[in-house]
Amino acid sequence: MIKLALKDWYTAHTQNLPSRIESLKGRLSALDQKGEEENLSEAELVELHGVMSDIHSLSRLNASICW
């Protein structure tokens, strides 16, 4: 039972990493563009840092899987 649950978790969290990374890069680009035009709100700055962190984490995970 635990093995099946772990397998399901692994599949859910590692499938389609490149598209998840690209989606985050799109959001990062949108926030970056908005930041060039006007000041970002505190919530947007927090989101920006979170998106950057998520991209880094997912990229490392994807690299370790592909290795």
N, C-alpha and C. Protein backbone atom coordinates (compact mmCIF):
# COMPACT_ATOMS: atom_id res chain seq x y z
N MET A 1 0.82 -1.19 0.00
CA MET A 1 0.00 0.00 0.00
C MET A 1 0.87 1.26 0.00
N ILE A 2 1.89 1.29 0.85
CA ILE A 2 2.78 2.45 0.89
C ILE A 2 3.55 2.57 -0.43
N LYS A 3 3.98 1.44 -0.96
CA LYS A 3 4.72 1.46 -2.22
C LYS A 3 3.85 2.03 -3.34
N LEU A 4 2.59 1.66 -3.39
CA LEU A 4 1.68 2.18 -4.41
C LEU A 4 1.45 3.68 -4.23
N ALA A 5 1.28 4.11 -2.99
CA ALA A 5 1.07 5.53 -2.72
C ALA A 5 2.31 6.33 -3.11
N LEU A 6 3.49 5.81 -2.82
CA LEU A 6 4.73 6.49 -3.18
C LEU A 6 4.88 6.56 -4.70
N LYS A 7 4.54 5.48 -5.37
CA LYS A 7 4.61 5.46 -6.84
C LYS A 7 3.66 6.49 -7.43
N ASP A 8 2.45 6.58 -6.90
CA ASP A 8 1.48 7.57 -7.39
C ASP A 8 1.99 9.00 -7.15
N TRP A 9 2.55 9.23 -5.96
CA TRP A 9 3.09 10.56 -5.65
C TRP A 9 4.22 10.91 -6.61
N TYR A 10 5.13 9.98 -6.82
CA TYR A 10 6.27 10.21 -7.71
C TYR A 10 5.79 10.53 -9.12
N THR A 11 4.83 9.78 -9.60
CA THR A 11 4.30 10.01 -10.94
C THR A 11 3.65 11.38 -11.04
N ALA A 12 2.88 11.75 -10.05
CA ALA A 12 2.18 13.04 -10.06
C ALA A 12 3.14 14.22 -9.99
N HIS A 13 4.26 14.05 -9.29
CA HIS A 13 5.18 15.17 -9.09
C HIS A 13 6.32 15.24 -10.09
N THR A 14 6.52 14.21 -10.88
CA THR A 14 7.63 14.24 -11.82
C THR A 14 7.20 14.20 -13.28
N GLN A 15 5.94 13.93 -13.54
CA GLN A 15 5.47 13.91 -14.92
C GLN A 15 5.38 15.32 -15.46
N ASN A 16 5.77 15.45 -16.69
CA ASN A 16 5.60 16.69 -17.42
C ASN A 16 6.31 17.88 -16.77
N LEU A 17 7.49 17.66 -16.22
CA LEU A 17 8.24 18.75 -15.60
C LEU A 17 8.58 19.86 -16.60
N PRO A 18 9.01 19.54 -17.82
CA PRO A 18 9.34 20.63 -18.75
C PRO A 18 8.18 21.59 -18.99
N SER A 19 6.96 21.09 -19.11
CA SER A 19 5.83 22.00 -19.34
C SER A 19 5.51 22.81 -18.09
N ARG A 20 5.71 22.22 -16.92
CA ARG A 20 5.49 22.97 -15.68
C ARG A 20 6.53 24.09 -15.56
N ILE A 21 7.77 23.80 -15.95
CA ILE A 21 8.83 24.81 -15.92
C ILE A 21 8.51 25.93 -16.90
N GLU A 22 8.08 25.57 -18.11
CA GLU A 22 7.74 26.58 -19.12
C GLU A 22 6.57 27.45 -18.66
N SER A 23 5.61 26.86 -18.00
CA SER A 23 4.48 27.62 -17.47
C SER A 23 4.96 28.65 -16.44
N LEU A 24 5.86 28.22 -15.57
CA LEU A 24 6.40 29.13 -14.56
C LEU A 24 7.24 30.23 -15.22
N LYS A 25 7.98 29.88 -16.27
CA LYS A 25 8.77 30.89 -16.98
C LYS A 25 7.86 31.93 -17.62
N GLY A 26 6.71 31.50 -18.10
CA GLY A 26 5.74 32.44 -18.66
C GLY A 26 5.24 33.41 -17.60
N ARG A 27 4.94 32.88 -16.42
CA ARG A 27 4.48 33.75 -15.32
C ARG A 27 5.60 34.69 -14.88
N LEU A 28 6.84 34.18 -14.84
CA LEU A 28 7.99 35.01 -14.48
C LEU A 28 8.15 36.15 -15.49
N SER A 29 8.00 35.84 -16.76
CA SER A 29 8.11 36.85 -17.80
C SER A 29 7.04 37.92 -17.65
N ALA A 30 5.82 37.50 -17.35
CA ALA A 30 4.72 38.45 -17.17
C ALA A 30 4.98 39.37 -15.98
N LEU A 31 5.45 38.80 -14.89
CA LEU A 31 5.75 39.62 -13.71
C LEU A 31 6.92 40.55 -13.99
N ASP A 32 7.93 40.07 -14.71
CA ASP A 32 9.09 40.88 -15.05
C ASP A 32 8.68 42.05 -15.94
N GLN A 33 7.85 41.79 -16.91
CA GLN A 33 7.38 42.84 -17.80
C GLN A 33 6.57 43.88 -17.03
N LYS A 34 5.71 43.41 -16.15
CA LYS A 34 4.90 44.34 -15.35
C LYS A 34 5.80 45.17 -14.45
N GLY A 35 6.87 44.53 -13.91
CA GLY A 35 7.80 45.25 -13.05
C GLY A 35 8.58 46.32 -13.79
N GLU A 36 8.78 46.16 -15.09
CA GLU A 36 9.45 47.19 -15.88
C GLU A 36 8.54 48.38 -16.12
N GLU A 37 7.24 48.15 -16.18
CA GLU A 37 6.29 49.21 -16.46
C GLU A 37 5.85 49.96 -15.21
N GLU A 38 5.77 49.26 -14.09
CA GLU A 38 5.33 49.87 -12.84
C GLU A 38 5.88 49.06 -11.67
N ASN A 39 5.78 49.62 -10.49
CA ASN A 39 6.24 48.91 -9.30
C ASN A 39 5.31 47.74 -8.98
N LEU A 40 5.91 46.62 -8.63
CA LEU A 40 5.13 45.45 -8.25
C LEU A 40 4.65 45.60 -6.81
N SER A 41 3.48 45.07 -6.54
CA SER A 41 2.97 45.09 -5.17
C SER A 41 3.75 44.08 -4.33
N GLU A 42 3.56 44.15 -3.05
CA GLU A 42 4.25 43.22 -2.14
C GLU A 42 3.88 41.78 -2.45
N ALA A 43 2.60 41.54 -2.72
CA ALA A 43 2.15 40.18 -3.06
C ALA A 43 2.79 39.69 -4.35
N GLU A 44 2.93 40.59 -5.33
CA GLU A 44 3.56 40.21 -6.60
C GLU A 44 5.04 39.92 -6.42
N LEU A 45 5.70 40.67 -5.55
CA LEU A 45 7.11 40.41 -5.26
C LEU A 45 7.29 39.05 -4.60
N VAL A 46 6.40 38.73 -3.68
CA VAL A 46 6.45 37.42 -3.03
C VAL A 46 6.22 36.32 -4.07
N GLU A 47 5.24 36.54 -4.96
CA GLU A 47 4.98 35.57 -6.02
C GLU A 47 6.18 35.43 -6.95
N LEU A 48 6.82 36.55 -7.28
CA LEU A 48 8.00 36.53 -8.15
C LEU A 48 9.11 35.67 -7.54
N HIS A 49 9.37 35.86 -6.27
CA HIS A 49 10.40 35.07 -5.60
C HIS A 49 10.00 33.59 -5.54
N GLY A 50 8.73 33.33 -5.30
CA GLY A 50 8.25 31.95 -5.27
C GLY A 50 8.37 31.27 -6.62
N VAL A 51 8.04 31.99 -7.68
CA VAL A 51 8.14 31.44 -9.04
C VAL A 51 9.59 31.13 -9.37
N MET A 52 10.49 32.05 -9.02
CA MET A 52 11.92 31.81 -9.29
C MET A 52 12.42 30.59 -8.52
N SER A 53 12.00 30.46 -7.30
CA SER A 53 12.39 29.32 -6.48
C SER A 53 11.84 28.02 -7.06
N ASP A 54 10.58 28.05 -7.49
CA ASP A 54 9.97 26.85 -8.08
C ASP A 54 10.67 26.44 -9.37
N ILE A 55 11.02 27.42 -10.21
CA ILE A 55 11.74 27.11 -11.45
C ILE A 55 13.07 26.44 -11.13
N HIS A 56 13.77 26.99 -10.16
CA HIS A 56 15.06 26.42 -9.77
C HIS A 56 14.89 24.99 -9.25
N SER A 57 13.94 24.78 -8.38
CA SER A 57 13.72 23.45 -7.81
C SER A 57 13.31 22.43 -8.87
N LEU A 58 12.37 22.81 -9.73
CA LEU A 58 11.91 21.89 -10.77
C LEU A 58 13.00 21.61 -11.80
N SER A 59 13.82 22.62 -12.10
CA SER A 59 14.92 22.41 -13.04
C SER A 59 15.94 21.44 -12.49
N ARG A 60 16.24 21.57 -11.21
CA ARG A 60 17.18 20.63 -10.58
C ARG A 60 16.60 19.22 -10.57
N LEU A 61 15.32 19.11 -10.25
CA LEU A 61 14.67 17.80 -10.23
C LEU A 61 14.67 17.18 -11.62
N ASN A 62 14.36 17.98 -12.62
CA ASN A 62 14.35 17.48 -14.00
C ASN A 62 15.75 17.04 -14.43
N ALA A 63 16.76 17.81 -14.05
CA ALA A 63 18.13 17.45 -14.40
C ALA A 63 18.54 16.15 -13.73
N SER A 64 18.15 15.97 -12.49
CA SER A 64 18.54 14.74 -11.78
C SER A 64 17.81 13.52 -12.36
N ILE A 65 16.59 13.71 -12.83
CA ILE A 65 15.84 12.61 -13.44
C ILE A 65 16.45 12.25 -14.80
N CYS A 66 16.84 13.26 -15.56
CA CYS A 66 17.39 13.03 -16.90
C CYS A 66 18.81 12.50 -16.86
N TRP A 67 19.49 12.65 -15.76
CA TRP A 67 20.86 12.21 -15.64
C TRP A 67 20.89 10.75 -15.59
